[in-house]
Amino acid sequence: MLPQELFRTFSRFCFVNCLVAIVSLCCASTDRLQTTNPIPPLLQGVHRVVCLGDSITQAGENPGGYVWLVRHYLKDLYPDQTIETLNAGISGHKSTDMIARFQRDVLDKKPDLVTISVGVNDVWHGFYDNHPLGDGPRGVAIEDYRRNVDSMVSQALSANIRVVILSTTVIEEDLSNRENAKAAKYNEALRDIARVHHCPFVDFQRPFRAIIQEYRKTTGGHDDLLTVDGVHMNGSGNKVMAHTILTGLGISANAQESVELQVAKEQAAARA
């Protein structure tokens, strides 16, 4: 291995092993860790959570996946509350698919809270079949996307289900590509919907971009850092997603850190 390649490999290793600390401790104070963790307002009275999404969510069910991590953090942080976390991710799904199954996969489950992760395929699939501008028929136009997401949020709120809207993650780890430029408009639509309905908005773009940009700048590497293929999460990407969601739910960095070793042990046991 050439010296430059060796440096990049080592640097990548260091970045990957620092990701959780960067994300989960970004808002940490110097206070000592609490022995008991108060339940944040958004989670008070919550006993069932549904995570709606596409293949990123579906794969998040694997040990170390973001849904799996959220489930275990909630279980270990609030053992007396008994929070059940259900995975409603289906590969390839867009907003058109999710609204069609929203009754069955969300409302009929009678959750207290739903996280909605939608948009990557609405944008990405529009680039399929030699459509470099993303205007292909397999994508979903932003007007239809906005209407679909707004309807899902409205239905959930009408059923007294709390809603947390998740931004898209990156589409390929080239932050300046056309896919990510188009996705920015879809994320703005999500922000608008969250604002109108007074729902929490969890922004994955900020930590993903910060980590990828720092990696590129420091090492000069251009390989995938948080994904296995530019879109679907690797272990590090899942950790970033999970900790960003937990923070968005109102769980402090100190609280997350207080059960981190326990969750790691459960993950190791699940993979054994």
Protein backbone atom coordinates (compact mmCIF):
# COMPACT_ATOMS: atom_id res chain seq x y z
CA MET A 1 0.00 0.00 0.00
CA LEU A 2 1.35 3.43 -0.96
CA PRO A 3 2.10 5.89 1.88
CA GLN A 4 -0.69 8.25 0.75
CA GLU A 5 -3.21 5.38 0.63
CA LEU A 6 -2.07 4.20 4.04
CA PHE A 7 -2.55 7.69 5.46
CA ARG A 8 -6.04 7.90 4.03
CA THR A 9 -6.96 4.49 5.39
CA PHE A 10 -5.71 5.42 8.85
CA SER A 11 -7.44 8.80 8.71
CA ARG A 12 -10.69 7.19 7.67
CA PHE A 13 -10.43 4.77 10.58
CA CYS A 14 -9.94 7.67 12.98
CA PHE A 15 -12.88 9.58 11.55
CA VAL A 16 -15.22 6.57 11.71
CA ASN A 17 -14.34 5.90 15.33
CA CYS A 18 -14.91 9.56 16.29
CA LEU A 19 -18.29 9.97 14.59
CA VAL A 20 -20.45 9.02 17.55
CA ALA A 21 -18.53 11.33 19.83
CA ILE A 22 -18.87 14.21 17.37
CA VAL A 23 -22.63 13.78 16.99
CA SER A 24 -23.72 12.66 20.44
CA LEU A 25 -21.53 15.10 22.35
CA CYS A 26 -21.97 18.14 20.12
CA CYS A 27 -24.43 19.65 22.60
CA ALA A 28 -22.94 18.14 25.74
CA SER A 29 -22.23 20.20 28.83
CA THR A 30 -19.47 19.65 31.33
CA ASP A 31 -21.96 18.40 33.92
CA ARG A 32 -21.47 14.94 35.32
CA LEU A 33 -23.63 12.21 33.82
CA GLN A 34 -26.94 11.75 35.53
CA THR A 35 -27.74 8.43 37.17
CA THR A 36 -31.39 8.83 36.21
CA ASN A 37 -32.57 10.34 32.96
CA PRO A 38 -35.71 12.48 32.94
CA ILE A 39 -38.13 11.74 30.11
CA PRO A 40 -38.23 14.67 27.65
CA PRO A 41 -41.67 16.22 26.99
CA LEU A 42 -41.94 14.76 23.47
CA LEU A 43 -41.63 11.22 24.86
CA GLN A 44 -43.79 11.58 27.94
CA GLY A 45 -46.66 9.12 27.73
CA VAL A 46 -45.21 7.48 24.62
CA HIS A 47 -45.38 3.67 24.63
CA ARG A 48 -45.28 2.88 20.90
CA VAL A 49 -43.21 4.49 18.15
CA VAL A 50 -43.51 3.69 14.43
CA CYS A 51 -40.57 4.49 12.14
CA LEU A 52 -41.91 4.99 8.60
CA GLY A 53 -39.44 4.98 5.75
CA ASP A 54 -37.75 3.31 2.80
CA SER A 55 -34.82 0.88 2.51
CA ILE A 56 -32.65 2.97 4.82
CA THR A 57 -35.26 2.47 7.53
CA GLN A 58 -35.89 -1.16 6.63
CA ALA A 59 -32.17 -1.94 6.90
CA GLY A 60 -32.12 0.06 10.12
CA GLU A 61 -33.72 -2.96 11.81
CA ASN A 62 -30.43 -4.89 11.74
CA PRO A 63 -28.33 -4.82 14.93
CA GLY A 64 -26.55 -1.47 14.84
CA GLY A 65 -29.08 -0.02 12.40
CA TYR A 66 -30.59 3.31 13.29
CA VAL A 67 -34.02 1.92 14.19
CA TRP A 68 -32.41 -0.83 16.24
CA LEU A 69 -30.24 1.72 18.04
CA VAL A 70 -33.13 4.08 18.76
CA ARG A 71 -35.14 1.16 20.13
CA HIS A 72 -32.36 0.05 22.48
CA TYR A 73 -31.46 3.54 23.65
CA LEU A 74 -35.10 4.21 24.53
CA LYS A 75 -35.38 0.85 26.29
CA ASP A 76 -32.25 1.38 28.36
CA LEU A 77 -32.91 5.04 29.10
CA TYR A 78 -36.54 4.62 30.17
CA PRO A 79 -37.02 1.01 31.33
CA ASP A 80 -40.10 1.83 33.37
CA GLN A 81 -41.96 3.41 30.46
CA THR A 82 -41.83 0.37 28.12
CA ILE A 83 -41.48 2.07 24.73
CA GLU A 84 -42.06 -0.26 21.77
CA THR A 85 -40.39 0.76 18.50
CA LEU A 86 -41.82 -0.67 15.26
CA ASN A 87 -40.08 -0.59 11.89
CA ALA A 88 -42.28 0.37 8.92
CA GLY A 89 -39.56 0.76 6.31
CA ILE A 90 -39.95 -0.80 2.85
CA SER A 91 -37.22 -0.74 0.24
CA GLY A 92 -37.78 1.48 -2.76
CA HIS A 93 -40.72 3.34 -1.30
CA LYS A 94 -41.45 6.96 -2.06
CA SER A 95 -44.05 9.34 -0.68
CA THR A 96 -46.59 7.92 -3.13
CA ASP A 97 -46.09 4.45 -1.67
CA MET A 98 -46.01 5.55 1.95
CA ILE A 99 -49.24 7.50 1.81
CA ALA A 100 -50.93 4.47 0.24
CA ARG A 101 -49.98 2.30 3.21
CA PHE A 102 -50.13 4.95 5.90
CA GLN A 103 -53.40 3.70 7.33
CA ARG A 104 -52.21 0.09 7.53
CA ASP A 105 -48.63 0.61 8.62
CA VAL A 106 -49.01 3.64 10.87
CA LEU A 107 -52.53 4.58 11.91
CA ASP A 108 -53.72 0.99 12.46
CA LYS A 109 -50.72 0.35 14.71
CA LYS A 110 -52.02 3.09 17.04
CA PRO A 111 -48.62 4.56 17.91
CA ASP A 112 -48.14 7.49 20.22
CA LEU A 113 -45.40 8.86 17.94
CA VAL A 114 -44.32 8.37 14.33
CA THR A 115 -41.07 9.34 12.64
CA ILE A 116 -41.47 10.00 8.92
CA SER A 117 -38.40 9.46 6.72
CA VAL A 118 -39.22 10.05 3.06
CA GLY A 119 -37.63 11.79 0.10
CA VAL A 120 -34.44 10.04 -0.97
CA ASN A 121 -36.24 7.86 -3.53
CA ASP A 122 -38.62 10.64 -4.58
CA VAL A 123 -35.52 12.54 -5.73
CA TRP A 124 -33.02 9.79 -6.57
CA HIS A 125 -35.33 7.68 -8.75
CA GLY A 126 -35.97 10.70 -10.95
CA PHE A 127 -32.37 10.36 -12.14
CA TYR A 128 -32.88 6.74 -13.21
CA ASP A 129 -33.02 5.62 -16.84
CA ASN A 130 -30.66 8.28 -18.19
CA HIS A 131 -32.34 11.38 -16.79
CA PRO A 132 -29.35 13.44 -15.63
CA LEU A 133 -31.52 16.38 -14.56
CA GLY A 134 -33.63 14.21 -12.27
CA ASP A 135 -36.83 14.76 -14.23
CA GLY A 136 -37.47 11.12 -15.03
CA PRO A 137 -40.88 9.47 -14.56
CA ARG A 138 -39.72 7.33 -11.64
CA GLY A 139 -39.24 10.35 -9.41
CA VAL A 140 -41.96 12.27 -7.57
CA ALA A 141 -42.52 15.94 -8.39
CA ILE A 142 -42.02 18.24 -5.45
CA GLU A 143 -45.64 19.44 -5.54
CA ASP A 144 -46.91 15.87 -5.22
CA TYR A 145 -44.26 15.12 -2.60
CA ARG A 146 -45.31 18.07 -0.47
CA ARG A 147 -48.97 17.11 -0.74
CA ASN A 148 -48.27 13.48 0.20
CA VAL A 149 -46.15 14.31 3.23
CA ASP A 150 -48.54 17.01 4.42
CA SER A 151 -51.42 14.53 4.21
CA MET A 152 -49.55 11.92 6.24
CA VAL A 153 -48.68 14.47 8.91
CA SER A 154 -52.26 15.75 9.04
CA GLN A 155 -53.69 12.23 9.33
CA ALA A 156 -51.32 11.37 12.17
CA LEU A 157 -52.01 14.55 14.10
CA SER A 158 -55.77 14.08 13.66
CA ALA A 159 -55.34 10.67 15.30
CA ASN A 160 -53.47 12.29 18.22
CA ILE A 161 -50.17 10.80 17.08
CA ARG A 162 -47.08 12.94 17.61
CA VAL A 163 -45.05 13.43 14.45
CA VAL A 164 -41.30 13.84 14.01
CA ILE A 165 -40.25 14.70 10.46
CA LEU A 166 -36.82 13.50 9.36
CA SER A 167 -34.84 15.17 6.60
CA THR A 168 -33.31 13.13 3.81
CA THR A 169 -29.79 11.88 4.17
CA VAL A 170 -27.24 12.49 1.40
CA ILE A 171 -27.66 10.99 -2.05
CA GLU A 172 -24.16 9.83 -2.93
CA GLU A 173 -21.40 11.35 -0.83
CA ASP A 174 -20.68 13.97 -3.49
CA LEU A 175 -22.30 16.91 -1.71
CA SER A 176 -22.26 19.15 -4.79
CA ASN A 177 -23.98 16.74 -7.19
CA ARG A 178 -27.34 17.32 -8.85
CA GLU A 179 -29.08 14.78 -6.65
CA ASN A 180 -28.23 16.61 -3.44
CA ALA A 181 -29.00 19.98 -5.02
CA LYS A 182 -32.48 18.75 -5.90
CA ALA A 183 -32.94 17.10 -2.51
CA ALA A 184 -32.34 20.47 -0.83
CA LYS A 185 -35.67 21.69 -2.20
CA TYR A 186 -37.45 18.63 -0.84
CA ASN A 187 -35.90 19.20 2.55
CA GLU A 188 -37.11 22.79 2.48
CA ALA A 189 -40.60 21.43 1.83
CA LEU A 190 -40.23 19.20 4.88
CA ARG A 191 -39.14 22.16 6.99
CA ASP A 192 -42.17 24.12 5.83
CA ILE A 193 -44.53 21.26 6.68
CA ALA A 194 -42.93 20.86 10.11
CA ARG A 195 -43.27 24.57 10.77
CA VAL A 196 -46.92 24.75 9.69
CA HIS A 197 -47.89 21.75 11.81
CA HIS A 198 -45.58 22.62 14.72
CA CYS A 199 -43.75 19.28 14.46
CA PRO A 200 -40.12 18.63 15.36
CA PHE A 201 -37.80 18.53 12.34
CA VAL A 202 -34.66 16.39 12.55
CA ASP A 203 -31.95 17.56 10.17
CA PHE A 204 -29.56 14.82 9.02
CA GLN A 205 -28.00 17.05 6.39
CA ARG A 206 -26.07 19.14 8.89
CA PRO A 207 -24.10 16.35 10.61
CA PHE A 208 -23.65 14.32 7.42
CA ARG A 209 -22.28 17.28 5.49
CA ALA A 210 -20.05 18.44 8.33
CA ILE A 211 -18.48 15.01 8.79
CA ILE A 212 -18.03 14.32 5.07
CA GLN A 213 -16.59 17.77 4.38
CA GLU A 214 -14.11 17.49 7.23
CA TYR A 215 -13.04 14.04 6.05
CA ARG A 216 -12.51 15.28 2.49
CA LYS A 217 -10.61 18.36 3.65
CA THR A 218 -8.39 16.55 6.15
CA THR A 219 -7.54 13.38 4.24
CA GLY A 220 -8.21 14.16 0.60
CA GLY A 221 -10.16 10.88 0.48
CA HIS A 222 -13.26 10.58 -1.68
CA ASP A 223 -14.46 7.12 -0.73
CA ASP A 224 -17.78 6.59 1.04
CA LEU A 225 -17.52 7.35 4.74
CA LEU A 226 -21.06 6.98 6.11
CA THR A 227 -22.69 4.74 3.50
CA VAL A 228 -21.97 1.44 1.80
CA ASP A 229 -22.95 2.69 -1.65
CA GLY A 230 -23.47 6.42 -1.38
CA VAL A 231 -27.04 6.07 -0.10
CA HIS A 232 -27.55 3.14 2.28
CA MET A 233 -25.99 3.48 5.71
CA ASN A 234 -22.96 1.66 7.03
CA GLY A 235 -22.49 1.27 10.78
CA SER A 236 -21.19 4.80 11.21
CA GLY A 237 -24.00 6.36 9.20
CA ASN A 238 -26.55 4.49 11.27
CA LYS A 239 -24.97 5.79 14.46
CA VAL A 240 -25.09 9.36 13.19
CA MET A 241 -28.75 8.94 12.27
CA ALA A 242 -29.67 7.36 15.61
CA HIS A 243 -27.96 9.98 17.75
CA THR A 244 -29.37 12.81 15.66
CA ILE A 245 -32.89 11.41 16.12
CA LEU A 246 -32.40 10.89 19.85
CA THR A 247 -31.22 14.49 20.17
CA GLY A 248 -34.24 15.61 18.15
CA LEU A 249 -36.49 13.76 20.59
CA GLY A 250 -35.06 15.92 23.35
CA ILE A 251 -32.64 13.38 24.82
CA SER A 252 -29.45 15.07 25.99
CA ALA A 253 -25.99 13.98 24.93
CA ASN A 254 -25.21 13.13 28.55
CA ALA A 255 -28.26 10.88 28.78
CA GLN A 256 -27.30 9.11 25.56
CA GLU A 257 -23.76 8.61 26.82
CA SER A 258 -25.01 7.19 30.10
CA VAL A 259 -26.34 4.04 28.38
CA GLU A 260 -23.93 3.88 25.44
CA LEU A 261 -21.90 0.98 26.85
CA GLN A 262 -25.04 -1.00 27.64
CA VAL A 263 -26.35 -0.54 24.10
CA ALA A 264 -22.96 -1.57 22.71
CA LYS A 265 -23.08 -4.77 24.76
CA GLU A 266 -26.57 -5.53 23.47
CA GLN A 267 -25.42 -4.95 19.92
CA ALA A 268 -22.46 -7.28 20.34
CA ALA A 269 -24.75 -9.95 21.81
CA ALA A 270 -27.23 -9.58 18.95
CA ARG A 271 -24.46 -10.08 16.41
CA ALA A 272 -22.91 -13.05 18.19
